[in-house]
Full PDB file with SEQRES, HELIX, SHEET, SSBOND, CRYST1, ORIGX, SCALE, CONECT and MASTER records, all heavy atoms in Angstrom:
SEQRES   1 A   32  THR ALA ASP TYR VAL ASN GLU LYS PHE ILE SER TYR PHE          
SEQRES   2 A   32  ASP LYS ASP VAL ASN ASN PHE ILE GLU GLU ILE LYS THR          
SEQRES   3 A   32  SER LYS LEU GLU ASP LEU                                      
HELIX    1 AA1 ALA A    2  LYS A    8  1                                   7    
HELIX    2 AA2 PHE A    9  TYR A   12  5                                   4    
HELIX    3 AA3 VAL A   17  THR A   26  1                                  10    
HELIX    4 AA4 LEU A   29  ASP A   31  5                                   3    
CRYST1    1.000    1.000    1.000  90.00  90.00  90.00 P 1           1          
ORIGX1      1.000000  0.000000  0.000000        0.00000                         
ORIGX2      0.000000  1.000000  0.000000        0.00000                         
ORIGX3      0.000000  0.000000  1.000000        0.00000                         
SCALE1      1.000000  0.000000  0.000000        0.00000                         
SCALE2      0.000000  1.000000  0.000000        0.00000                         
SCALE3      0.000000  0.000000  1.000000        0.00000                         
ATOM      1  N   THR A   1       5.161  -4.232  21.205  1.00  0.00           N  
ATOM      2  CA  THR A   1       6.250  -4.654  20.322  1.00  0.00           C  
ATOM      3  C   THR A   1       5.712  -5.024  18.947  1.00  0.00           C  
ATOM      4  O   THR A   1       6.313  -4.685  17.923  1.00  0.00           O  
ATOM      5  CB  THR A   1       7.039  -5.826  20.947  1.00  0.00           C  
ATOM      6  OG1 THR A   1       7.516  -5.416  22.228  1.00  0.00           O  
ATOM      7  CG2 THR A   1       8.206  -6.232  20.076  1.00  0.00           C  
ATOM      8  N   ALA A   2       4.570  -5.677  18.904  1.00  0.00           N  
ATOM      9  CA  ALA A   2       3.953  -6.008  17.611  1.00  0.00           C  
ATOM     10  C   ALA A   2       3.593  -4.732  16.857  1.00  0.00           C  
ATOM     11  O   ALA A   2       3.807  -4.635  15.642  1.00  0.00           O  
ATOM     12  CB  ALA A   2       2.727  -6.880  17.817  1.00  0.00           C  
ATOM     13  N   ASP A   3       3.084  -3.738  17.568  1.00  0.00           N  
ATOM     14  CA  ASP A   3       2.792  -2.438  16.935  1.00  0.00           C  
ATOM     15  C   ASP A   3       4.075  -1.806  16.405  1.00  0.00           C  
ATOM     16  O   ASP A   3       4.104  -1.269  15.299  1.00  0.00           O  
ATOM     17  CB  ASP A   3       2.118  -1.488  17.928  1.00  0.00           C  
ATOM     18  CG  ASP A   3       0.681  -1.864  18.231  1.00  0.00           C  
ATOM     19  OD1 ASP A   3       0.081  -2.636  17.443  1.00  0.00           O  
ATOM     20  OD2 ASP A   3       0.156  -1.401  19.258  1.00  0.00           O  
ATOM     21  N   TYR A   4       5.117  -1.861  17.192  1.00  0.00           N  
ATOM     22  CA  TYR A   4       6.425  -1.319  16.813  1.00  0.00           C  
ATOM     23  C   TYR A   4       6.941  -1.999  15.545  1.00  0.00           C  
ATOM     24  O   TYR A   4       7.391  -1.345  14.604  1.00  0.00           O  
ATOM     25  CB  TYR A   4       7.384  -1.513  17.984  1.00  0.00           C  
ATOM     26  CG  TYR A   4       8.846  -1.304  17.697  1.00  0.00           C  
ATOM     27  CD1 TYR A   4       9.379  -0.025  17.530  1.00  0.00           C  
ATOM     28  CD2 TYR A   4       9.712  -2.395  17.627  1.00  0.00           C  
ATOM     29  CE1 TYR A   4      10.729   0.155  17.293  1.00  0.00           C  
ATOM     30  CE2 TYR A   4      11.065  -2.219  17.386  1.00  0.00           C  
ATOM     31  CZ  TYR A   4      11.566  -0.940  17.222  1.00  0.00           C  
ATOM     32  OH  TYR A   4      12.902  -0.763  16.982  1.00  0.00           O  
ATOM     33  N   VAL A   5       6.825  -3.308  15.506  1.00  0.00           N  
ATOM     34  CA  VAL A   5       7.280  -4.067  14.342  1.00  0.00           C  
ATOM     35  C   VAL A   5       6.417  -3.751  13.130  1.00  0.00           C  
ATOM     36  O   VAL A   5       6.922  -3.576  12.020  1.00  0.00           O  
ATOM     37  CB  VAL A   5       7.291  -5.587  14.659  1.00  0.00           C  
ATOM     38  CG1 VAL A   5       7.488  -6.412  13.410  1.00  0.00           C  
ATOM     39  CG2 VAL A   5       8.383  -5.899  15.678  1.00  0.00           C  
ATOM     40  N   ASN A   6       5.100  -3.657  13.325  1.00  0.00           N  
ATOM     41  CA  ASN A   6       4.211  -3.336  12.206  1.00  0.00           C  
ATOM     42  C   ASN A   6       4.496  -1.957  11.616  1.00  0.00           C  
ATOM     43  O   ASN A   6       4.339  -1.761  10.411  1.00  0.00           O  
ATOM     44  CB  ASN A   6       2.746  -3.440  12.635  1.00  0.00           C  
ATOM     45  CG  ASN A   6       2.251  -4.867  12.621  1.00  0.00           C  
ATOM     46  OD1 ASN A   6       2.648  -5.665  11.781  1.00  0.00           O  
ATOM     47  ND2 ASN A   6       1.397  -5.203  13.564  1.00  0.00           N  
ATOM     48  N   GLU A   7       4.920  -1.016  12.439  1.00  0.00           N  
ATOM     49  CA  GLU A   7       5.279   0.310  11.926  1.00  0.00           C  
ATOM     50  C   GLU A   7       6.469   0.220  10.979  1.00  0.00           C  
ATOM     51  O   GLU A   7       6.585   1.002  10.038  1.00  0.00           O  
ATOM     52  CB  GLU A   7       5.591   1.265  13.083  1.00  0.00           C  
ATOM     53  CG  GLU A   7       4.366   1.712  13.834  1.00  0.00           C  
ATOM     54  CD  GLU A   7       4.696   2.543  15.070  1.00  0.00           C  
ATOM     55  OE1 GLU A   7       5.824   3.053  15.171  1.00  0.00           O  
ATOM     56  OE2 GLU A   7       3.805   2.663  15.923  1.00  0.00           O  
ATOM     57  N   LYS A   8       7.342  -0.734  11.225  1.00  0.00           N  
ATOM     58  CA  LYS A   8       8.501  -0.917  10.344  1.00  0.00           C  
ATOM     59  C   LYS A   8       8.091  -1.509   8.998  1.00  0.00           C  
ATOM     60  O   LYS A   8       8.832  -1.421   8.028  1.00  0.00           O  
ATOM     61  CB  LYS A   8       9.541  -1.828  11.003  1.00  0.00           C  
ATOM     62  CG  LYS A   8      10.204  -1.184  12.194  1.00  0.00           C  
ATOM     63  CD  LYS A   8      11.235  -2.006  12.935  1.00  0.00           C  
ATOM     64  CE  LYS A   8      11.590  -3.353  12.458  1.00  0.00           C  
ATOM     65  NZ  LYS A   8      12.554  -4.068  13.285  1.00  0.00           N  
ATOM     66  N   PHE A   9       6.904  -2.079   8.936  1.00  0.00           N  
ATOM     67  CA  PHE A   9       6.450  -2.754   7.723  1.00  0.00           C  
ATOM     68  C   PHE A   9       6.415  -1.832   6.510  1.00  0.00           C  
ATOM     69  O   PHE A   9       6.752  -2.232   5.405  1.00  0.00           O  
ATOM     70  CB  PHE A   9       5.073  -3.381   7.943  1.00  0.00           C  
ATOM     71  CG  PHE A   9       4.443  -3.894   6.681  1.00  0.00           C  
ATOM     72  CD1 PHE A   9       5.083  -4.844   5.911  1.00  0.00           C  
ATOM     73  CD2 PHE A   9       3.222  -3.417   6.264  1.00  0.00           C  
ATOM     74  CE1 PHE A   9       4.511  -5.314   4.746  1.00  0.00           C  
ATOM     75  CE2 PHE A   9       2.644  -3.892   5.098  1.00  0.00           C  
ATOM     76  CZ  PHE A   9       3.287  -4.842   4.350  1.00  0.00           C  
ATOM     77  N   ILE A  10       6.041  -0.595   6.716  1.00  0.00           N  
ATOM     78  CA  ILE A  10       5.891   0.324   5.586  1.00  0.00           C  
ATOM     79  C   ILE A  10       7.176   0.428   4.778  1.00  0.00           C  
ATOM     80  O   ILE A  10       7.150   0.634   3.563  1.00  0.00           O  
ATOM     81  CB  ILE A  10       5.400   1.714   6.058  1.00  0.00           C  
ATOM     82  CG1 ILE A  10       4.836   2.505   4.888  1.00  0.00           C  
ATOM     83  CG2 ILE A  10       6.490   2.491   6.747  1.00  0.00           C  
ATOM     84  CD1 ILE A  10       3.550   2.023   4.362  1.00  0.00           C  
ATOM     85  N   SER A  11       8.323   0.214   5.415  1.00  0.00           N  
ATOM     86  CA  SER A  11       9.601   0.301   4.706  1.00  0.00           C  
ATOM     87  C   SER A  11       9.780  -0.826   3.693  1.00  0.00           C  
ATOM     88  O   SER A  11      10.656  -0.753   2.834  1.00  0.00           O  
ATOM     89  CB  SER A  11      10.762   0.300   5.702  1.00  0.00           C  
ATOM     90  OG  SER A  11      10.866  -0.962   6.335  1.00  0.00           O  
ATOM     91  N   TYR A  12       8.970  -1.876   3.769  1.00  0.00           N  
ATOM     92  CA  TYR A  12       9.065  -2.993   2.835  1.00  0.00           C  
ATOM     93  C   TYR A  12       8.372  -2.692   1.507  1.00  0.00           C  
ATOM     94  O   TYR A  12       8.507  -3.444   0.561  1.00  0.00           O  
ATOM     95  CB  TYR A  12       8.463  -4.256   3.451  1.00  0.00           C  
ATOM     96  CG  TYR A  12       9.425  -4.977   4.355  1.00  0.00           C  
ATOM     97  CD1 TYR A  12       9.834  -4.410   5.560  1.00  0.00           C  
ATOM     98  CD2 TYR A  12       9.936  -6.210   4.012  1.00  0.00           C  
ATOM     99  CE1 TYR A  12      10.712  -5.063   6.383  1.00  0.00           C  
ATOM    100  CE2 TYR A  12      10.820  -6.870   4.837  1.00  0.00           C  
ATOM    101  CZ  TYR A  12      11.201  -6.288   6.031  1.00  0.00           C  
ATOM    102  OH  TYR A  12      12.081  -6.949   6.843  1.00  0.00           O  
ATOM    103  N   PHE A  13       7.601  -1.614   1.466  1.00  0.00           N  
ATOM    104  CA  PHE A  13       6.891  -1.275   0.239  1.00  0.00           C  
ATOM    105  C   PHE A  13       7.742  -0.408  -0.658  1.00  0.00           C  
ATOM    106  O   PHE A  13       8.368   0.541  -0.216  1.00  0.00           O  
ATOM    107  CB  PHE A  13       5.587  -0.531   0.537  1.00  0.00           C  
ATOM    108  CG  PHE A  13       4.431  -1.439   0.803  1.00  0.00           C  
ATOM    109  CD1 PHE A  13       3.981  -1.629   2.090  1.00  0.00           C  
ATOM    110  CD2 PHE A  13       3.812  -2.105  -0.221  1.00  0.00           C  
ATOM    111  CE1 PHE A  13       2.918  -2.464   2.341  1.00  0.00           C  
ATOM    112  CE2 PHE A  13       2.747  -2.945   0.018  1.00  0.00           C  
ATOM    113  CZ  PHE A  13       2.301  -3.125   1.300  1.00  0.00           C  
ATOM    114  N   ASP A  14       7.743  -0.725  -1.936  1.00  0.00           N  
ATOM    115  CA  ASP A  14       8.455   0.081  -2.929  1.00  0.00           C  
ATOM    116  C   ASP A  14       7.594   1.247  -3.379  1.00  0.00           C  
ATOM    117  O   ASP A  14       8.078   2.304  -3.724  1.00  0.00           O  
ATOM    118  CB  ASP A  14       8.801  -0.754  -4.163  1.00  0.00           C  
ATOM    119  CG  ASP A  14       9.779  -1.862  -3.853  1.00  0.00           C  
ATOM    120  OD1 ASP A  14      10.606  -1.687  -2.941  1.00  0.00           O  
ATOM    121  OD2 ASP A  14       9.715  -2.888  -4.530  1.00  0.00           O  
ATOM    122  N   LYS A  15       6.288   1.034  -3.425  1.00  0.00           N  
ATOM    123  CA  LYS A  15       5.368   2.022  -3.973  1.00  0.00           C  
ATOM    124  C   LYS A  15       4.969   3.055  -2.938  1.00  0.00           C  
ATOM    125  O   LYS A  15       4.900   2.771  -1.759  1.00  0.00           O  
ATOM    126  CB  LYS A  15       4.091   1.328  -4.445  1.00  0.00           C  
ATOM    127  CG  LYS A  15       4.235   0.517  -5.694  1.00  0.00           C  
ATOM    128  CD  LYS A  15       2.909  -0.012  -6.100  1.00  0.00           C  
ATOM    129  CE  LYS A  15       2.360   0.863  -7.176  1.00  0.00           C  
ATOM    130  NZ  LYS A  15       1.176   0.335  -7.789  1.00  0.00           N  
ATOM    131  N   ASP A  16       4.671   4.225  -3.431  1.00  0.00           N  
ATOM    132  CA  ASP A  16       4.101   5.272  -2.610  1.00  0.00           C  
ATOM    133  C   ASP A  16       2.673   4.846  -2.262  1.00  0.00           C  
ATOM    134  O   ASP A  16       1.884   4.497  -3.142  1.00  0.00           O  
ATOM    135  CB  ASP A  16       4.101   6.582  -3.409  1.00  0.00           C  
ATOM    136  CG  ASP A  16       3.496   7.716  -2.640  1.00  0.00           C  
ATOM    137  OD1 ASP A  16       2.250   7.739  -2.522  1.00  0.00           O  
ATOM    138  OD2 ASP A  16       4.264   8.570  -2.169  1.00  0.00           O  
ATOM    139  N   VAL A  17       2.343   4.865  -0.987  1.00  0.00           N  
ATOM    140  CA  VAL A  17       1.035   4.386  -0.526  1.00  0.00           C  
ATOM    141  C   VAL A  17      -0.102   5.174  -1.165  1.00  0.00           C  
ATOM    142  O   VAL A  17      -1.112   4.595  -1.567  1.00  0.00           O  
ATOM    143  CB  VAL A  17       0.959   4.440   1.025  1.00  0.00           C  
ATOM    144  CG1 VAL A  17      -0.427   4.083   1.510  1.00  0.00           C  
ATOM    145  CG2 VAL A  17       1.984   3.516   1.640  1.00  0.00           C  
ATOM    146  N   ASN A  18       0.034   6.473  -1.292  1.00  0.00           N  
ATOM    147  CA  ASN A  18      -1.037   7.279  -1.900  1.00  0.00           C  
ATOM    148  C   ASN A  18      -1.273   6.893  -3.360  1.00  0.00           C  
ATOM    149  O   ASN A  18      -2.412   6.851  -3.814  1.00  0.00           O  
ATOM    150  CB  ASN A  18      -0.726   8.767  -1.782  1.00  0.00           C  
ATOM    151  CG  ASN A  18      -0.807   9.245  -0.356  1.00  0.00           C  
ATOM    152  OD1 ASN A  18      -1.595   8.736   0.430  1.00  0.00           O  
ATOM    153  ND2 ASN A  18       0.022  10.215  -0.021  1.00  0.00           N  
ATOM    154  N   ASN A  19      -0.196   6.607  -4.094  1.00  0.00           N  
ATOM    155  CA  ASN A  19      -0.349   6.150  -5.476  1.00  0.00           C  
ATOM    156  C   ASN A  19      -1.078   4.817  -5.527  1.00  0.00           C  
ATOM    157  O   ASN A  19      -1.906   4.575  -6.406  1.00  0.00           O  
ATOM    158  CB  ASN A  19       1.012   6.019  -6.169  1.00  0.00           C  
ATOM    159  CG  ASN A  19       1.609   7.357  -6.500  1.00  0.00           C  
ATOM    160  OD1 ASN A  19       0.922   8.365  -6.548  1.00  0.00           O  
ATOM    161  ND2 ASN A  19       2.906   7.371  -6.714  1.00  0.00           N  
ATOM    162  N   PHE A  20      -0.765   3.960  -4.578  1.00  0.00           N  
ATOM    163  CA  PHE A  20      -1.395   2.651  -4.513  1.00  0.00           C  
ATOM    164  C   PHE A  20      -2.902   2.783  -4.273  1.00  0.00           C  
ATOM    165  O   PHE A  20      -3.706   2.152  -4.942  1.00  0.00           O  
ATOM    166  CB  PHE A  20      -0.732   1.824  -3.409  1.00  0.00           C  
ATOM    167  CG  PHE A  20      -1.352   0.489  -3.216  1.00  0.00           C  
ATOM    168  CD1 PHE A  20      -1.125  -0.516  -4.129  1.00  0.00           C  
ATOM    169  CD2 PHE A  20      -2.160   0.236  -2.127  1.00  0.00           C  
ATOM    170  CE1 PHE A  20      -1.709  -1.759  -3.966  1.00  0.00           C  
ATOM    171  CE2 PHE A  20      -2.736  -0.993  -1.950  1.00  0.00           C  
ATOM    172  CZ  PHE A  20      -2.510  -1.993  -2.878  1.00  0.00           C  
ATOM    173  N   ILE A  21      -3.276   3.637  -3.336  1.00  0.00           N  
ATOM    174  CA  ILE A  21      -4.688   3.850  -3.022  1.00  0.00           C  
ATOM    175  C   ILE A  21      -5.403   4.466  -4.227  1.00  0.00           C  
ATOM    176  O   ILE A  21      -6.524   4.075  -4.562  1.00  0.00           O  
ATOM    177  CB  ILE A  21      -4.834   4.710  -1.749  1.00  0.00           C  
ATOM    178  CG1 ILE A  21      -4.334   3.919  -0.537  1.00  0.00           C  
ATOM    179  CG2 ILE A  21      -6.263   5.167  -1.553  1.00  0.00           C  
ATOM    180  CD1 ILE A  21      -4.174   4.727   0.727  1.00  0.00           C  
ATOM    181  N   GLU A  22      -4.755   5.396  -4.888  1.00  0.00           N  
ATOM    182  CA  GLU A  22      -5.335   6.017  -6.085  1.00  0.00           C  
ATOM    183  C   GLU A  22      -5.516   4.987  -7.198  1.00  0.00           C  
ATOM    184  O   GLU A  22      -6.511   5.010  -7.926  1.00  0.00           O  
ATOM    185  CB  GLU A  22      -4.449   7.184  -6.558  1.00  0.00           C  
ATOM    186  CG  GLU A  22      -5.073   8.013  -7.650  1.00  0.00           C  
ATOM    187  CD  GLU A  22      -6.396   8.651  -7.257  1.00  0.00           C  
ATOM    188  OE1 GLU A  22      -6.607   9.004  -6.078  1.00  0.00           O  
ATOM    189  OE2 GLU A  22      -7.249   8.788  -8.156  1.00  0.00           O  
ATOM    190  N   GLU A  23      -4.566   4.059  -7.302  1.00  0.00           N  
ATOM    191  CA  GLU A  23      -4.647   3.007  -8.315  1.00  0.00           C  
ATOM    192  C   GLU A  23      -5.890   2.139  -8.106  1.00  0.00           C  
ATOM    193  O   GLU A  23      -6.538   1.733  -9.068  1.00  0.00           O  
ATOM    194  CB  GLU A  23      -3.386   2.137  -8.242  1.00  0.00           C  
ATOM    195  CG  GLU A  23      -3.258   1.133  -9.354  1.00  0.00           C  
ATOM    196  CD  GLU A  23      -1.950   0.368  -9.225  1.00  0.00           C  
ATOM    197  OE1 GLU A  23      -0.876   0.977  -9.319  1.00  0.00           O  
ATOM    198  OE2 GLU A  23      -2.032  -0.873  -9.022  1.00  0.00           O  
ATOM    199  N   ILE A  24      -6.238   1.890  -6.861  1.00  0.00           N  
ATOM    200  CA  ILE A  24      -7.448   1.110  -6.557  1.00  0.00           C  
ATOM    201  C   ILE A  24      -8.682   1.841  -7.087  1.00  0.00           C  
ATOM    202  O   ILE A  24      -9.585   1.238  -7.657  1.00  0.00           O  
ATOM    203  CB  ILE A  24      -7.584   0.854  -5.038  1.00  0.00           C  
ATOM    204  CG1 ILE A  24      -6.528  -0.156  -4.586  1.00  0.00           C  
ATOM    205  CG2 ILE A  24      -8.983   0.344  -4.684  1.00  0.00           C  
ATOM    206  CD1 ILE A  24      -6.455  -0.344  -3.092  1.00  0.00           C  
ATOM    207  N   LYS A  25      -8.695   3.141  -6.940  1.00  0.00           N  
ATOM    208  CA  LYS A  25      -9.846   3.938  -7.355  1.00  0.00           C  
ATOM    209  C   LYS A  25      -9.977   4.040  -8.875  1.00  0.00           C  
ATOM    210  O   LYS A  25     -11.074   4.188  -9.389  1.00  0.00           O  
ATOM    211  CB  LYS A  25      -9.748   5.350  -6.771  1.00  0.00           C  
ATOM    212  CG  LYS A  25      -9.844   5.398  -5.264  1.00  0.00           C  
ATOM    213  CD  LYS A  25      -9.638   6.814  -4.775  1.00  0.00           C  
ATOM    214  CE  LYS A  25      -9.605   6.880  -3.270  1.00  0.00           C  
ATOM    215  NZ  LYS A  25      -9.268   8.228  -2.786  1.00  0.00           N  
ATOM    216  N   THR A  26      -8.854   3.953  -9.589  1.00  0.00           N  
ATOM    217  CA  THR A  26      -8.884   4.232 -11.025  1.00  0.00           C  
ATOM    218  C   THR A  26      -8.654   3.013 -11.925  1.00  0.00           C  
ATOM    219  O   THR A  26      -8.832   3.117 -13.137  1.00  0.00           O  
ATOM    220  CB  THR A  26      -7.829   5.300 -11.375  1.00  0.00           C  
ATOM    221  OG1 THR A  26      -6.532   4.834 -10.992  1.00  0.00           O  
ATOM    222  CG2 THR A  26      -8.136   6.619 -10.670  1.00  0.00           C  
ATOM    223  N   SER A  27      -8.275   1.880 -11.362  1.00  0.00           N  
ATOM    224  CA  SER A  27      -8.016   0.684 -12.181  1.00  0.00           C  
ATOM    225  C   SER A  27      -9.288   0.196 -12.849  1.00  0.00           C  
ATOM    226  O   SER A  27     -10.398   0.384 -12.339  1.00  0.00           O  
ATOM    227  CB  SER A  27      -7.479  -0.453 -11.303  1.00  0.00           C  
ATOM    228  OG  SER A  27      -6.214  -0.170 -10.835  1.00  0.00           O  
ATOM    229  N   LYS A  28      -9.118  -0.464 -13.977  1.00  0.00           N  
ATOM    230  CA  LYS A  28     -10.248  -1.139 -14.612  1.00  0.00           C  
ATOM    231  C   LYS A  28     -10.681  -2.269 -13.689  1.00  0.00           C  
ATOM    232  O   LYS A  28      -9.848  -2.914 -13.043  1.00  0.00           O  
ATOM    233  CB  LYS A  28      -9.828  -1.749 -15.949  1.00  0.00           C  
ATOM    234  CG  LYS A  28      -9.437  -0.740 -16.989  1.00  0.00           C  
ATOM    235  CD  LYS A  28      -9.045  -1.495 -18.256  1.00  0.00           C  
ATOM    236  CE  LYS A  28      -8.254  -0.615 -19.173  1.00  0.00           C  
ATOM    237  NZ  LYS A  28      -7.738  -1.353 -20.325  1.00  0.00           N  
ATOM    238  N   LEU A  29     -11.966  -2.547 -13.646  1.00  0.00           N  
ATOM    239  CA  LEU A  29     -12.473  -3.594 -12.764  1.00  0.00           C  
ATOM    240  C   LEU A  29     -11.827  -4.952 -13.047  1.00  0.00           C  
ATOM    241  O   LEU A  29     -11.539  -5.704 -12.121  1.00  0.00           O  
ATOM    242  CB  LEU A  29     -13.997  -3.705 -12.860  1.00  0.00           C  
ATOM    243  CG  LEU A  29     -14.789  -2.648 -12.111  1.00  0.00           C  
ATOM    244  CD1 LEU A  29     -16.281  -2.884 -12.266  1.00  0.00           C  
ATOM    245  CD2 LEU A  29     -14.409  -2.583 -10.650  1.00  0.00           C  
ATOM    246  N   GLU A  30     -11.591  -5.247 -14.319  1.00  0.00           N  
ATOM    247  CA  GLU A  30     -10.995  -6.549 -14.641  1.00  0.00           C  
ATOM    248  C   GLU A  30      -9.554  -6.669 -14.152  1.00  0.00           C  
ATOM    249  O   GLU A  30      -9.030  -7.771 -13.992  1.00  0.00           O  
ATOM    250  CB  GLU A  30     -11.079  -6.868 -16.143  1.00  0.00           C  
ATOM    251  CG  GLU A  30     -10.390  -5.872 -17.042  1.00  0.00           C  
ATOM    252  CD  GLU A  30     -11.307  -4.779 -17.571  1.00  0.00           C  
ATOM    253  OE1 GLU A  30     -12.416  -4.589 -17.050  1.00  0.00           O  
ATOM    254  OE2 GLU A  30     -10.890  -4.100 -18.516  1.00  0.00           O  
ATOM    255  N   ASP A  31      -8.908  -5.545 -13.854  1.00  0.00           N  
ATOM    256  CA  ASP A  31      -7.530  -5.553 -13.347  1.00  0.00           C  
ATOM    257  C   ASP A  31      -7.468  -5.476 -11.825  1.00  0.00           C  
ATOM    258  O   ASP A  31      -6.404  -5.613 -11.236  1.00  0.00           O  
ATOM    259  CB  ASP A  31      -6.738  -4.378 -13.927  1.00  0.00           C  
ATOM    260  CG  ASP A  31      -6.571  -4.482 -15.426  1.00  0.00           C  
ATOM    261  OD1 ASP A  31      -6.595  -5.612 -15.958  1.00  0.00           O  
ATOM    262  OD2 ASP A  31      -6.424  -3.417 -16.062  1.00  0.00           O  
ATOM    263  N   LEU A  32      -8.604  -5.248 -11.194  1.00  0.00           N  
ATOM    264  CA  LEU A  32      -8.657  -5.017  -9.757  1.00  0.00           C  
ATOM    265  C   LEU A  32      -8.827  -6.338  -9.001  1.00  0.00           C  
ATOM    266  O   LEU A  32      -9.762  -7.094  -9.264  1.00  0.00           O  
ATOM    267  CB  LEU A  32      -9.826  -4.075  -9.455  1.00  0.00           C  
ATOM    268  CG  LEU A  32      -9.855  -3.378  -8.122  1.00  0.00           C  
ATOM    269  CD1 LEU A  32      -8.596  -2.559  -7.898  1.00  0.00           C  
ATOM    270  CD2 LEU A  32     -11.070  -2.467  -8.045  1.00  0.00           C  
TER     271      LEU A  32                                                      
MASTER        0    0    0    4    0    0    0    6  270    1    0    3          
END                                                                             
């Protein structure tokens, strides 16, 4: 049930996950 609930978590994000991961790779260090 916890796994089931955690799968629903992704719907709480506004951002596209791939964009978010890419942002980590390309952000300035002072902004990270």
